Amino acid sequence: MIVLAALRGGEDAYAIQIAREVEATAGRSVQLGAVYTALKRLEDQGLVESWTGAPAAERAKRYFRVTSRGMAAARSTRQALVVLRSGFSQLKEQPS
């Protein structure tokens, strides 16, 4: 979810924005420290990259961007989820 939330943030996603996106999408609260930890792990794996922006009125923000390797991982995960979902008839759309 962190990679997808970072993708939604575009080229200049930052941790608070990513956390809010996860919260809005998942419908539950997310600890900011957990988001930073996940982003660090994803960066160590080469799935995201980060840089520090110029300081403004407050301290400088750390921005994140999904790498090409991260995009490939997101696509692979999407394909796996589609396959997994197709095996559960109770998850298929029901006519209203």
PDB file of N, CA and C in Angstrom:
ATOM      1  N   MET A   1       0.817  -1.197   0.000  1.00  0.00           N
ATOM      2  CA  MET A   1       0.000   0.000   0.000  1.00  0.00           C
ATOM      3  C   MET A   1       0.861   1.261   0.000  1.00  0.00           C
ATOM      4  N   ILE A   2       2.009   1.193   0.638  1.00  0.00           N
ATOM      5  CA  ILE A   2       2.874   2.362   0.717  1.00  0.00           C
ATOM      6  C   ILE A   2       3.354   2.755  -0.682  1.00  0.00           C
ATOM      7  N   VAL A   3       3.741   1.782  -1.481  1.00  0.00           N
ATOM      8  CA  VAL A   3       4.207   2.072  -2.845  1.00  0.00           C
ATOM      9  C   VAL A   3       3.071   2.696  -3.652  1.00  0.00           C
ATOM     10  N   LEU A   4       1.875   2.156  -3.549  1.00  0.00           N
ATOM     11  CA  LEU A   4       0.738   2.697  -4.288  1.00  0.00           C
ATOM     12  C   LEU A   4       0.391   4.108  -3.819  1.00  0.00           C
ATOM     13  N   ALA A   5       0.445   4.337  -2.524  1.00  0.00           N
ATOM     14  CA  ALA A   5       0.177   5.677  -1.991  1.00  0.00           C
ATOM     15  C   ALA A   5       1.237   6.661  -2.475  1.00  0.00           C
ATOM     16  N   ALA A   6       2.477   6.228  -2.543  1.00  0.00           N
ATOM     17  CA  ALA A   6       3.549   7.088  -3.058  1.00  0.00           C
ATOM     18  C   ALA A   6       3.328   7.392  -4.536  1.00  0.00           C
ATOM     19  N   LEU A   7       2.847   6.413  -5.284  1.00  0.00           N
ATOM     20  CA  LEU A   7       2.541   6.642  -6.696  1.00  0.00           C
ATOM     21  C   LEU A   7       1.465   7.709  -6.847  1.00  0.00           C
ATOM     22  N   ARG A   8       0.452   7.646  -6.000  1.00  0.00           N
ATOM     23  CA  ARG A   8      -0.619   8.645  -6.056  1.00  0.00           C
ATOM     24  C   ARG A   8      -0.098  10.032  -5.731  1.00  0.00           C
ATOM     25  N   GLY A   9       0.929  10.096  -4.896  1.00  0.00           N
ATOM     26  CA  GLY A   9       1.512  11.380  -4.531  1.00  0.00           C
ATOM     27  C   GLY A   9       2.325  12.013  -5.640  1.00  0.00           C
ATOM     28  N   GLY A  10       2.674  11.230  -6.627  1.00  0.00           N
ATOM     29  CA  GLY A  10       3.437  11.753  -7.751  1.00  0.00           C
ATOM     30  C   GLY A  10       4.920  11.860  -7.445  1.00  0.00           C
ATOM     31  N   GLU A  11       5.575  12.769  -8.128  1.00  0.00           N
ATOM     32  CA  GLU A  11       7.026  12.916  -8.025  1.00  0.00           C
ATOM     33  C   GLU A  11       7.487  13.532  -6.713  1.00  0.00           C
ATOM     34  N   ASP A  12       6.565  14.138  -5.980  1.00  0.00           N
ATOM     35  CA  ASP A  12       6.977  14.836  -4.770  1.00  0.00           C
ATOM     36  C   ASP A  12       6.146  14.410  -3.555  1.00  0.00           C
ATOM     37  N   ALA A  13       5.953  13.119  -3.409  1.00  0.00           N
ATOM     38  CA  ALA A  13       5.203  12.598  -2.263  1.00  0.00           C
ATOM     39  C   ALA A  13       6.084  12.656  -1.022  1.00  0.00           C
ATOM     40  N   TYR A  14       5.492  12.986   0.111  1.00  0.00           N
ATOM     41  CA  TYR A  14       6.226  12.980   1.367  1.00  0.00           C
ATOM     42  C   TYR A  14       5.458  12.139   2.371  1.00  0.00           C
ATOM     43  N   ALA A  15       6.103  11.769   3.451  1.00  0.00           N
ATOM     44  CA  ALA A  15       5.580  10.738   4.360  1.00  0.00           C
ATOM     45  C   ALA A  15       4.186  11.043   4.893  1.00  0.00           C
ATOM     46  N   ILE A  16       3.940  12.270   5.308  1.00  0.00           N
ATOM     47  CA  ILE A  16       2.611  12.591   5.855  1.00  0.00           C
ATOM     48  C   ILE A  16       1.550  12.436   4.779  1.00  0.00           C
ATOM     49  N   GLN A  17       1.850  12.880   3.591  1.00  0.00           N
ATOM     50  CA  GLN A  17       0.920  12.731   2.469  1.00  0.00           C
ATOM     51  C   GLN A  17       0.670  11.249   2.174  1.00  0.00           C
ATOM     52  N   ILE A  18       1.716  10.459   2.187  1.00  0.00           N
ATOM     53  CA  ILE A  18       1.586   9.014   1.941  1.00  0.00           C
ATOM     54  C   ILE A  18       0.739   8.375   3.041  1.00  0.00           C
ATOM     55  N   ALA A  19       0.982   8.741   4.297  1.00  0.00           N
ATOM     56  CA  ALA A  19       0.202   8.195   5.414  1.00  0.00           C
ATOM     57  C   ALA A  19      -1.272   8.551   5.269  1.00  0.00           C
ATOM     58  N   ARG A  20      -1.566   9.793   4.910  1.00  0.00           N
ATOM     59  CA  ARG A  20      -2.971  10.218   4.724  1.00  0.00           C
ATOM     60  C   ARG A  20      -3.638   9.453   3.592  1.00  0.00           C
ATOM     61  N   GLU A  21      -2.894   9.195   2.536  1.00  0.00           N
ATOM     62  CA  GLU A  21      -3.439   8.432   1.407  1.00  0.00           C
ATOM     63  C   GLU A  21      -3.773   7.006   1.838  1.00  0.00           C
ATOM     64  N   VAL A  22      -2.883   6.384   2.598  1.00  0.00           N
ATOM     65  CA  VAL A  22      -3.149   5.028   3.097  1.00  0.00           C
ATOM     66  C   VAL A  22      -4.373   5.050   4.000  1.00  0.00           C
ATOM     67  N   GLU A  23      -4.461   6.032   4.882  1.00  0.00           N
ATOM     68  CA  GLU A  23      -5.612   6.133   5.788  1.00  0.00           C
ATOM     69  C   GLU A  23      -6.921   6.288   5.017  1.00  0.00           C
ATOM     70  N   ALA A  24      -6.913   7.155   4.010  1.00  0.00           N
ATOM     71  CA  ALA A  24      -8.119   7.382   3.213  1.00  0.00           C
ATOM     72  C   ALA A  24      -8.519   6.139   2.436  1.00  0.00           C
ATOM     73  N   THR A  25      -7.541   5.437   1.924  1.00  0.00           N
ATOM     74  CA  THR A  25      -7.820   4.253   1.115  1.00  0.00           C
ATOM     75  C   THR A  25      -8.211   3.053   1.971  1.00  0.00           C
ATOM     76  N   ALA A  26      -7.490   2.846   3.071  1.00  0.00           N
ATOM     77  CA  ALA A  26      -7.735   1.678   3.921  1.00  0.00           C
ATOM     78  C   ALA A  26      -8.846   1.918   4.939  1.00  0.00           C
ATOM     79  N   GLY A  27      -9.159   3.188   5.195  1.00  0.00           N
ATOM     80  CA  GLY A  27     -10.202   3.494   6.150  1.00  0.00           C
ATOM     81  C   GLY A  27      -9.805   3.251   7.600  1.00  0.00           C
ATOM     82  N   ARG A  28      -8.521   3.332   7.888  1.00  0.00           N
ATOM     83  CA  ARG A  28      -8.047   3.165   9.260  1.00  0.00           C
ATOM     84  C   ARG A  28      -6.824   4.036   9.483  1.00  0.00           C
ATOM     85  N   SER A  29      -6.535   4.308  10.750  1.00  0.00           N
ATOM     86  CA  SER A  29      -5.406   5.193  11.049  1.00  0.00           C
ATOM     87  C   SER A  29      -4.078   4.466  10.854  1.00  0.00           C
ATOM     88  N   VAL A  30      -3.070   5.254  10.540  1.00  0.00           N
ATOM     89  CA  VAL A  30      -1.732   4.735  10.287  1.00  0.00           C
ATOM     90  C   VAL A  30      -0.754   5.552  11.129  1.00  0.00           C
ATOM     91  N   GLN A  31       0.148   4.876  11.804  1.00  0.00           N
ATOM     92  CA  GLN A  31       1.167   5.566  12.581  1.00  0.00           C
ATOM     93  C   GLN A  31       2.247   6.091  11.635  1.00  0.00           C
ATOM     94  N   LEU A  32       2.574   7.358  11.777  1.00  0.00           N
ATOM     95  CA  LEU A  32       3.561   7.966  10.896  1.00  0.00           C
ATOM     96  C   LEU A  32       4.916   7.270  10.996  1.00  0.00           C
ATOM     97  N   GLY A  33       5.285   6.839  12.194  1.00  0.00           N
ATOM     98  CA  GLY A  33       6.543   6.116  12.367  1.00  0.00           C
ATOM     99  C   GLY A  33       6.577   4.831  11.559  1.00  0.00           C
ATOM    100  N   ALA A  34       5.433   4.160  11.457  1.00  0.00           N
ATOM    101  CA  ALA A  34       5.352   2.929  10.662  1.00  0.00           C
ATOM    102  C   ALA A  34       5.537   3.234   9.180  1.00  0.00           C
ATOM    103  N   VAL A  35       5.025   4.373   8.741  1.00  0.00           N
ATOM    104  CA  VAL A  35       5.187   4.770   7.339  1.00  0.00           C
ATOM    105  C   VAL A  35       6.657   5.058   7.041  1.00  0.00           C
ATOM    106  N   TYR A  36       7.324   5.800   7.948  1.00  0.00           N
ATOM    107  CA  TYR A  36       8.754   6.074   7.765  1.00  0.00           C
ATOM    108  C   TYR A  36       9.560   4.773   7.740  1.00  0.00           C
ATOM    109  N   THR A  37       9.227   3.852   8.616  1.00  0.00           N
ATOM    110  CA  THR A  37       9.936   2.564   8.652  1.00  0.00           C
ATOM    111  C   THR A  37       9.734   1.806   7.348  1.00  0.00           C
ATOM    112  N   ALA A  38       8.502   1.770   6.864  1.00  0.00           N
ATOM    113  CA  ALA A  38       8.213   1.074   5.609  1.00  0.00           C
ATOM    114  C   ALA A  38       8.930   1.751   4.438  1.00  0.00           C
ATOM    115  N   LEU A  39       8.930   3.079   4.418  1.00  0.00           N
ATOM    116  CA  LEU A  39       9.610   3.791   3.339  1.00  0.00           C
ATOM    117  C   LEU A  39      11.111   3.520   3.360  1.00  0.00           C
ATOM    118  N   LYS A  40      11.700   3.464   4.533  1.00  0.00           N
ATOM    119  CA  LYS A  40      13.132   3.157   4.650  1.00  0.00           C
ATOM    120  C   LYS A  40      13.422   1.759   4.100  1.00  0.00           C
ATOM    121  N   ARG A  41      12.577   0.801   4.480  1.00  0.00           N
ATOM    122  CA  ARG A  41      12.754  -0.578   3.998  1.00  0.00           C
ATOM    123  C   ARG A  41      12.592  -0.637   2.479  1.00  0.00           C
ATOM    124  N   LEU A  42      11.594   0.061   1.950  1.00  0.00           N
ATOM    125  CA  LEU A  42      11.384   0.083   0.503  1.00  0.00           C
ATOM    126  C   LEU A  42      12.553   0.748  -0.218  1.00  0.00           C
ATOM    127  N   GLU A  43      13.112   1.778   0.405  1.00  0.00           N
ATOM    128  CA  GLU A  43      14.280   2.431  -0.195  1.00  0.00           C
ATOM    129  C   GLU A  43      15.485   1.499  -0.181  1.00  0.00           C
ATOM    130  N   ASP A  44      15.668   0.774   0.917  1.00  0.00           N
ATOM    131  CA  ASP A  44      16.766  -0.197   0.998  1.00  0.00           C
ATOM    132  C   ASP A  44      16.643  -1.275  -0.080  1.00  0.00           C
ATOM    133  N   GLN A  45      15.410  -1.589  -0.467  1.00  0.00           N
ATOM    134  CA  GLN A  45      15.164  -2.606  -1.493  1.00  0.00           C
ATOM    135  C   GLN A  45      15.182  -2.024  -2.904  1.00  0.00           C
ATOM    136  N   GLY A  46      15.354  -0.718  -3.005  1.00  0.00           N
ATOM    137  CA  GLY A  46      15.406  -0.070  -4.310  1.00  0.00           C
ATOM    138  C   GLY A  46      14.051   0.168  -4.943  1.00  0.00           C
ATOM    139  N   LEU A  47      12.980   0.094  -4.155  1.00  0.00           N
ATOM    140  CA  LEU A  47      11.632   0.274  -4.693  1.00  0.00           C
ATOM    141  C   LEU A  47      11.190   1.733  -4.685  1.00  0.00           C
ATOM    142  N   VAL A  48      11.752   2.522  -3.775  1.00  0.00           N
ATOM    143  CA  VAL A  48      11.523   3.966  -3.770  1.00  0.00           C
ATOM    144  C   VAL A  48      12.881   4.655  -3.598  1.00  0.00           C
ATOM    145  N   GLU A  49      12.926   5.912  -3.972  1.00  0.00           N
ATOM    146  CA  GLU A  49      14.111   6.719  -3.707  1.00  0.00           C
ATOM    147  C   GLU A  49      13.646   7.995  -3.028  1.00  0.00           C
ATOM    148  N   SER A  50      14.529   8.617  -2.282  1.00  0.00           N
ATOM    149  CA  SER A  50      14.144   9.815  -1.549  1.00  0.00           C
ATOM    150  C   SER A  50      15.195  10.895  -1.689  1.00  0.00           C
ATOM    151  N   TRP A  51      14.790  12.103  -1.391  1.00  0.00           N
ATOM    152  CA  TRP A  51      15.677  13.249  -1.353  1.00  0.00           C
ATOM    153  C   TRP A  51      15.071  14.275  -0.406  1.00  0.00           C
ATOM    154  N   THR A  52      15.915  15.155   0.077  1.00  0.00           N
ATOM    155  CA  THR A  52      15.475  16.198   0.989  1.00  0.00           C
ATOM    156  C   THR A  52      15.310  17.492   0.215  1.00  0.00           C
ATOM    157  N   GLY A  53      14.144  18.095   0.348  1.00  0.00           N
ATOM    158  CA  GLY A  53      13.874  19.360  -0.318  1.00  0.00           C
ATOM    159  C   GLY A  53      14.511  20.516   0.431  1.00  0.00           C
ATOM    160  N   ALA A  54      14.458  21.668  -0.179  1.00  0.00           N
ATOM    161  CA  ALA A  54      15.001  22.874   0.451  1.00  0.00           C
ATOM    162  C   ALA A  54      14.129  23.260   1.643  1.00  0.00           C
ATOM    163  N   PRO A  55      14.749  23.664   2.742  1.00  0.00           N
ATOM    164  CA  PRO A  55      13.949  24.065   3.908  1.00  0.00           C
ATOM    165  C   PRO A  55      13.102  25.290   3.591  1.00  0.00           C
ATOM    166  N   ALA A  56      11.878  25.255   4.074  1.00  0.00           N
ATOM    167  CA  ALA A  56      10.971  26.394   3.899  1.00  0.00           C
ATOM    168  C   ALA A  56      10.774  27.027   5.272  1.00  0.00           C
ATOM    169  N   ALA A  57       9.565  27.394   5.602  1.00  0.00           N
ATOM    170  CA  ALA A  57       9.275  28.001   6.903  1.00  0.00           C
ATOM    171  C   ALA A  57       9.547  27.019   8.037  1.00  0.00           C
ATOM    172  N   GLU A  58       9.408  25.771   7.754  1.00  0.00           N
ATOM    173  CA  GLU A  58       9.673  24.722   8.739  1.00  0.00           C
ATOM    174  C   GLU A  58      10.898  23.939   8.285  1.00  0.00           C
ATOM    175  N   ARG A  59      11.116  22.788   8.867  1.00  0.00           N
ATOM    176  CA  ARG A  59      12.269  22.000   8.428  1.00  0.00           C
ATOM    177  C   ARG A  59      12.021  21.398   7.049  1.00  0.00           C
ATOM    178  N   ALA A  60      13.076  20.976   6.408  1.00  0.00           N
ATOM    179  CA  ALA A  60      12.991  20.439   5.048  1.00  0.00           C
ATOM    180  C   ALA A  60      12.219  19.122   5.037  1.00  0.00           C
ATOM    181  N   LYS A  61      11.427  18.942   4.011  1.00  0.00           N
ATOM    182  CA  LYS A  61      10.671  17.697   3.841  1.00  0.00           C
ATOM    183  C   LYS A  61      11.521  16.685   3.093  1.00  0.00           C
ATOM    184  N   ARG A  62      11.275  15.429   3.408  1.00  0.00           N
ATOM    185  CA  ARG A  62      11.908  14.326   2.685  1.00  0.00           C
ATOM    186  C   ARG A  62      10.866  13.805   1.701  1.00  0.00           C
ATOM    187  N   TYR A  63      11.213  13.845   0.435  1.00  0.00           N
ATOM    188  CA  TYR A  63      10.301  13.428  -0.628  1.00  0.00           C
ATOM    189  C   TYR A  63      10.653  12.026  -1.108  1.00  0.00           C
ATOM    190  N   PHE A  64       9.633  11.338  -1.612  1.00  0.00           N
ATOM    191  CA  PHE A  64       9.793   9.964  -2.073  1.00  0.00           C
ATOM    192  C   PHE A  64       9.198   9.818  -3.466  1.00  0.00           C
ATOM    193  N   ARG A  65       9.843   8.973  -4.245  1.00  0.00           N
ATOM    194  CA  ARG A  65       9.384   8.664  -5.592  1.00  0.00           C
ATOM    195  C   ARG A  65       9.572   7.169  -5.809  1.00  0.00           C
ATOM    196  N   VAL A  66       8.619   6.553  -6.480  1.00  0.00           N
ATOM    197  CA  VAL A  66       8.701   5.126  -6.799  1.00  0.00           C
ATOM    198  C   VAL A  66       9.665   4.953  -7.964  1.00  0.00           C
ATOM    199  N   THR A  67      10.592   4.014  -7.832  1.00  0.00           N
ATOM    200  CA  THR A  67      11.569   3.739  -8.883  1.00  0.00           C
ATOM    201  C   THR A  67      10.956   2.805  -9.936  1.00  0.00           C
ATOM    202  N   SER A  68      11.671   2.589 -11.013  1.00  0.00           N
ATOM    203  CA  SER A  68      11.193   1.649 -12.036  1.00  0.00           C
ATOM    204  C   SER A  68      11.091   0.240 -11.441  1.00  0.00           C
ATOM    205  N   ARG A  69      12.013  -0.091 -10.555  1.00  0.00           N
ATOM    206  CA  ARG A  69      11.940  -1.391  -9.864  1.00  0.00           C
ATOM    207  C   ARG A  69      10.684  -1.467  -8.985  1.00  0.00           C
ATOM    208  N   GLY A  70      10.332  -0.363  -8.342  1.00  0.00           N
ATOM    209  CA  GLY A  70       9.116  -0.304  -7.535  1.00  0.00           C
ATOM    210  C   GLY A  70       7.869  -0.439  -8.388  1.00  0.00           C
ATOM    211  N   MET A  71       7.884   0.183  -9.579  1.00  0.00           N
ATOM    212  CA  MET A  71       6.749   0.047 -10.507  1.00  0.00           C
ATOM    213  C   MET A  71       6.582  -1.403 -10.932  1.00  0.00           C
ATOM    214  N   ALA A  72       7.689  -2.072 -11.223  1.00  0.00           N
ATOM    215  CA  ALA A  72       7.620  -3.486 -11.621  1.00  0.00           C
ATOM    216  C   ALA A  72       7.058  -4.332 -10.485  1.00  0.00           C
ATOM    217  N   ALA A  73       7.471  -4.037  -9.256  1.00  0.00           N
ATOM    218  CA  ALA A  73       6.964  -4.778  -8.096  1.00  0.00           C
ATOM    219  C   ALA A  73       5.471  -4.528  -7.906  1.00  0.00           C
ATOM    220  N   ALA A  74       5.026  -3.296  -8.109  1.00  0.00           N
ATOM    221  CA  ALA A  74       3.599  -2.981  -7.976  1.00  0.00           C
ATOM    222  C   ALA A  74       2.779  -3.714  -9.032  1.00  0.00           C
ATOM    223  N   ARG A  75       3.288  -3.750 -10.252  1.00  0.00           N
ATOM    224  CA  ARG A  75       2.579  -4.477 -11.323  1.00  0.00           C
ATOM    225  C   ARG A  75       2.508  -5.970 -11.015  1.00  0.00           C
ATOM    226  N   SER A  76       3.602  -6.526 -10.542  1.00  0.00           N
ATOM    227  CA  SER A  76       3.643  -7.947 -10.201  1.00  0.00           C
ATOM    228  C   SER A  76       2.658  -8.268  -9.075  1.00  0.00           C
ATOM    229  N   THR A  77       2.617  -7.409  -8.084  1.00  0.00           N
ATOM    230  CA  THR A  77       1.690  -7.610  -6.969  1.00  0.00           C
ATOM    231  C   THR A  77       0.253  -7.513  -7.451  1.00  0.00           C
ATOM    232  N   ARG A  78      -0.017  -6.562  -8.325  1.00  0.00           N
ATOM    233  CA  ARG A  78      -1.372  -6.420  -8.869  1.00  0.00           C
ATOM    234  C   ARG A  78      -1.792  -7.700  -9.591  1.00  0.00           C
ATOM    235  N   GLN A  79      -0.905  -8.237 -10.413  1.00  0.00           N
ATOM    236  CA  GLN A  79      -1.225  -9.461 -11.142  1.00  0.00           C
ATOM    237  C   GLN A  79      -1.494 -10.614 -10.172  1.00  0.00           C
ATOM    238  N   ALA A  80      -0.698 -10.720  -9.124  1.00  0.00           N
ATOM    239  CA  ALA A  80      -0.893 -11.784  -8.136  1.00  0.00           C
ATOM    240  C   ALA A  80      -2.225 -11.620  -7.431  1.00  0.00           C
ATOM    241  N   LEU A  81      -2.602 -10.387  -7.103  1.00  0.00           N
ATOM    242  CA  LEU A  81      -3.881 -10.147  -6.428  1.00  0.00           C
ATOM    243  C   LEU A  81      -5.061 -10.490  -7.327  1.00  0.00           C
ATOM    244  N   VAL A  82      -4.945 -10.186  -8.611  1.00  0.00           N
ATOM    245  CA  VAL A  82      -6.009 -10.527  -9.557  1.00  0.00           C
ATOM    246  C   VAL A  82      -6.194 -12.039  -9.607  1.00  0.00           C
ATOM    247  N   VAL A  83      -5.099 -12.773  -9.671  1.00  0.00           N
ATOM    248  CA  VAL A  83      -5.165 -14.234  -9.703  1.00  0.00           C
ATOM    249  C   VAL A  83      -5.770 -14.768  -8.404  1.00  0.00           C
ATOM    250  N   LEU A  84      -5.296 -14.234  -7.273  1.00  0.00           N
ATOM    251  CA  LEU A  84      -5.835 -14.686  -5.989  1.00  0.00           C
ATOM    252  C   LEU A  84      -7.321 -14.385  -5.862  1.00  0.00           C
ATOM    253  N   ARG A  85      -7.728 -13.186  -6.254  1.00  0.00           N
ATOM    254  CA  ARG A  85      -9.134 -12.796  -6.138  1.00  0.00           C
ATOM    255  C   ARG A  85     -10.024 -13.675  -7.003  1.00  0.00           C
ATOM    256  N   SER A  86      -9.543 -14.068  -8.167  1.00  0.00           N
ATOM    257  CA  SER A  86     -10.362 -14.875  -9.072  1.00  0.00           C
ATOM    258  C   SER A  86     -10.698 -16.236  -8.469  1.00  0.00           C
ATOM    259  N   GLY A  87      -9.957 -16.665  -7.470  1.00  0.00           N
ATOM    260  CA  GLY A  87     -10.225 -17.943  -6.831  1.00  0.00           C
ATOM    261  C   GLY A  87     -11.293 -17.895  -5.757  1.00  0.00           C
ATOM    262  N   PHE A  88     -11.829 -16.710  -5.478  1.00  0.00           N
ATOM    263  CA  PHE A  88     -12.834 -16.557  -4.429  1.00  0.00           C
ATOM    264  C   PHE A  88     -14.148 -16.082  -5.028  1.00  0.00           C
ATOM    265  N   SER A  89     -15.055 -17.002  -5.245  1.00  0.00           N
ATOM    266  CA  SER A  89     -16.334 -16.641  -5.860  1.00  0.00           C
ATOM    267  C   SER A  89     -17.116 -15.665  -4.986  1.00  0.00           C
ATOM    268  N   GLN A  90     -16.940 -15.723  -3.661  1.00  0.00           N
ATOM    269  CA  GLN A  90     -17.685 -14.817  -2.780  1.00  0.00           C
ATOM    270  C   GLN A  90     -17.224 -13.360  -2.902  1.00  0.00           C
ATOM    271  N   LEU A  91     -16.075 -13.099  -3.555  1.00  0.00           N
ATOM    272  CA  LEU A  91     -15.597 -11.736  -3.738  1.00  0.00           C
ATOM    273  C   LEU A  91     -16.002 -11.140  -5.076  1.00  0.00           C
ATOM    274  N   LYS A  92     -16.592 -11.955  -5.921  1.00  0.00           N
ATOM    275  CA  LYS A  92     -17.012 -11.449  -7.219  1.00  0.00           C
ATOM    276  C   LYS A  92     -18.194 -10.523  -7.042  1.00  0.00           C
ATOM    277  N   GLU A  93     -18.282  -9.560  -7.958  1.00  0.00           N
ATOM    278  CA  GLU A  93     -19.367  -8.566  -7.902  1.00  0.00           C
ATOM    279  C   GLU A  93     -20.723  -9.268  -8.022  1.00  0.00           C
ATOM    280  N   GLN A  94     -21.630  -8.845  -7.168  1.00  0.00           N
ATOM    281  CA  GLN A  94     -23.006  -9.359  -7.205  1.00  0.00           C
ATOM    282  C   GLN A  94     -23.902  -8.285  -7.814  1.00  0.00           C
ATOM    283  N   PRO A  95     -24.843  -8.672  -8.675  1.00  0.00           N
ATOM    284  CA  PRO A  95     -25.744  -7.669  -9.250  1.00  0.00           C
ATOM    285  C   PRO A  95     -26.603  -7.062  -8.140  1.00  0.00           C
ATOM    286  N   SER A  96     -26.875  -5.774  -8.269  1.00  0.00           N
ATOM    287  CA  SER A  96     -27.677  -5.065  -7.252  1.00  0.00           C
ATOM    288  C   SER A  96     -29.151  -5.306  -7.433  1.00  0.00           C
TER     289      SER A  96
END
